Amino acid sequence: MDVIYGAVYMRLMIGHAPLDAEFADAHINYVYHLLGVNNS
């Protein structure tokens, strides 16, 4: 769960980068990659 929510909370607390659709897509693709899920 930390892999999913950690990046989101860091962006909310520190504000170093936006929480936008581009981040959401990239982050979910990364989590899928870590889990071995084919996201095609």
N, C-alpha and C. Protein backbone atom coordinates (compact mmCIF):
# COMPACT_ATOMS: atom_id res chain seq x y z
N MET A 1 0.82 -1.19 0.00
CA MET A 1 0.00 0.00 0.00
C MET A 1 0.86 1.26 0.00
N ASP A 2 2.02 1.21 0.63
CA ASP A 2 2.89 2.38 0.66
C ASP A 2 3.35 2.78 -0.73
N VAL A 3 3.53 1.79 -1.60
CA VAL A 3 3.96 2.10 -2.97
C VAL A 3 2.90 2.93 -3.67
N ILE A 4 1.64 2.64 -3.41
CA ILE A 4 0.55 3.36 -4.06
C ILE A 4 0.37 4.75 -3.45
N TYR A 5 0.24 4.81 -2.12
CA TYR A 5 -0.12 6.07 -1.48
C TYR A 5 1.06 6.95 -1.12
N GLY A 6 2.25 6.39 -1.00
CA GLY A 6 3.41 7.18 -0.59
C GLY A 6 3.70 8.34 -1.53
N ALA A 7 3.72 8.07 -2.82
CA ALA A 7 4.01 9.13 -3.79
C ALA A 7 2.92 10.20 -3.80
N VAL A 8 1.69 9.79 -3.62
CA VAL A 8 0.57 10.74 -3.60
C VAL A 8 0.69 11.66 -2.38
N TYR A 9 0.90 11.08 -1.20
CA TYR A 9 0.99 11.89 0.01
C TYR A 9 2.21 12.80 0.00
N MET A 10 3.33 12.33 -0.55
CA MET A 10 4.51 13.20 -0.64
C MET A 10 4.21 14.41 -1.52
N ARG A 11 3.52 14.20 -2.62
CA ARG A 11 3.18 15.34 -3.48
C ARG A 11 2.20 16.28 -2.79
N LEU A 12 1.30 15.74 -2.00
CA LEU A 12 0.36 16.60 -1.26
C LEU A 12 1.07 17.38 -0.16
N MET A 13 1.93 16.73 0.59
CA MET A 13 2.59 17.38 1.73
C MET A 13 3.67 18.36 1.28
N ILE A 14 4.52 17.95 0.34
CA ILE A 14 5.66 18.77 -0.04
C ILE A 14 5.32 19.71 -1.19
N GLY A 15 4.46 19.27 -2.07
CA GLY A 15 4.02 20.12 -3.18
C GLY A 15 5.08 20.33 -4.25
N HIS A 16 6.00 19.37 -4.40
CA HIS A 16 7.08 19.53 -5.36
C HIS A 16 6.68 19.23 -6.79
N ALA A 17 5.53 18.59 -6.97
CA ALA A 17 5.06 18.25 -8.31
C ALA A 17 3.54 18.12 -8.27
N PRO A 18 2.88 18.30 -9.39
CA PRO A 18 1.42 18.27 -9.40
C PRO A 18 0.84 16.85 -9.31
N LEU A 19 -0.35 16.77 -8.79
CA LEU A 19 -1.14 15.54 -8.84
C LEU A 19 -2.09 15.70 -10.03
N ASP A 20 -1.68 15.21 -11.16
CA ASP A 20 -2.47 15.35 -12.37
C ASP A 20 -2.67 14.00 -13.04
N ALA A 21 -3.36 14.01 -14.15
CA ALA A 21 -3.65 12.76 -14.87
C ALA A 21 -2.37 12.10 -15.37
N GLU A 22 -1.38 12.89 -15.78
CA GLU A 22 -0.12 12.32 -16.25
C GLU A 22 0.58 11.55 -15.13
N PHE A 23 0.61 12.14 -13.93
CA PHE A 23 1.20 11.45 -12.78
C PHE A 23 0.42 10.18 -12.46
N ALA A 24 -0.89 10.27 -12.44
CA ALA A 24 -1.72 9.12 -12.10
C ALA A 24 -1.47 7.96 -13.07
N ASP A 25 -1.46 8.24 -14.35
CA ASP A 25 -1.22 7.20 -15.35
C ASP A 25 0.16 6.57 -15.19
N ALA A 26 1.18 7.42 -15.02
CA ALA A 26 2.54 6.91 -14.89
C ALA A 26 2.70 6.10 -13.62
N HIS A 27 2.10 6.56 -12.54
CA HIS A 27 2.24 5.87 -11.26
C HIS A 27 1.53 4.52 -11.26
N ILE A 28 0.34 4.47 -11.80
CA ILE A 28 -0.39 3.20 -11.87
C ILE A 28 0.33 2.22 -12.78
N ASN A 29 0.87 2.71 -13.89
CA ASN A 29 1.65 1.83 -14.77
C ASN A 29 2.87 1.28 -14.05
N TYR A 30 3.51 2.09 -13.23
CA TYR A 30 4.67 1.64 -12.45
C TYR A 30 4.26 0.58 -11.44
N VAL A 31 3.16 0.79 -10.74
CA VAL A 31 2.69 -0.19 -9.77
C VAL A 31 2.33 -1.50 -10.47
N TYR A 32 1.66 -1.41 -11.60
CA TYR A 32 1.35 -2.62 -12.37
C TYR A 32 2.62 -3.36 -12.77
N HIS A 33 3.64 -2.60 -13.19
CA HIS A 33 4.93 -3.20 -13.56
C HIS A 33 5.52 -3.95 -12.37
N LEU A 34 5.49 -3.34 -11.20
CA LEU A 34 6.03 -3.99 -10.00
C LEU A 34 5.28 -5.28 -9.66
N LEU A 35 3.98 -5.27 -9.93
CA LEU A 35 3.16 -6.45 -9.63
C LEU A 35 3.20 -7.50 -10.73
N GLY A 36 3.79 -7.16 -11.86
CA GLY A 36 3.87 -8.09 -12.98
C GLY A 36 2.59 -8.17 -13.79
N VAL A 37 1.78 -7.12 -13.72
CA VAL A 37 0.52 -7.08 -14.45
C VAL A 37 0.75 -6.48 -15.82
N ASN A 38 0.22 -7.11 -16.85
CA ASN A 38 0.32 -6.58 -18.21
C ASN A 38 -0.80 -5.57 -18.40
N ASN A 39 -0.44 -4.32 -18.56
CA ASN A 39 -1.42 -3.23 -18.66
C ASN A 39 -1.64 -2.80 -20.11
N SER A 40 -1.71 -3.75 -21.02
CA SER A 40 -1.90 -3.42 -22.44
C SER A 40 -3.36 -3.46 -22.82
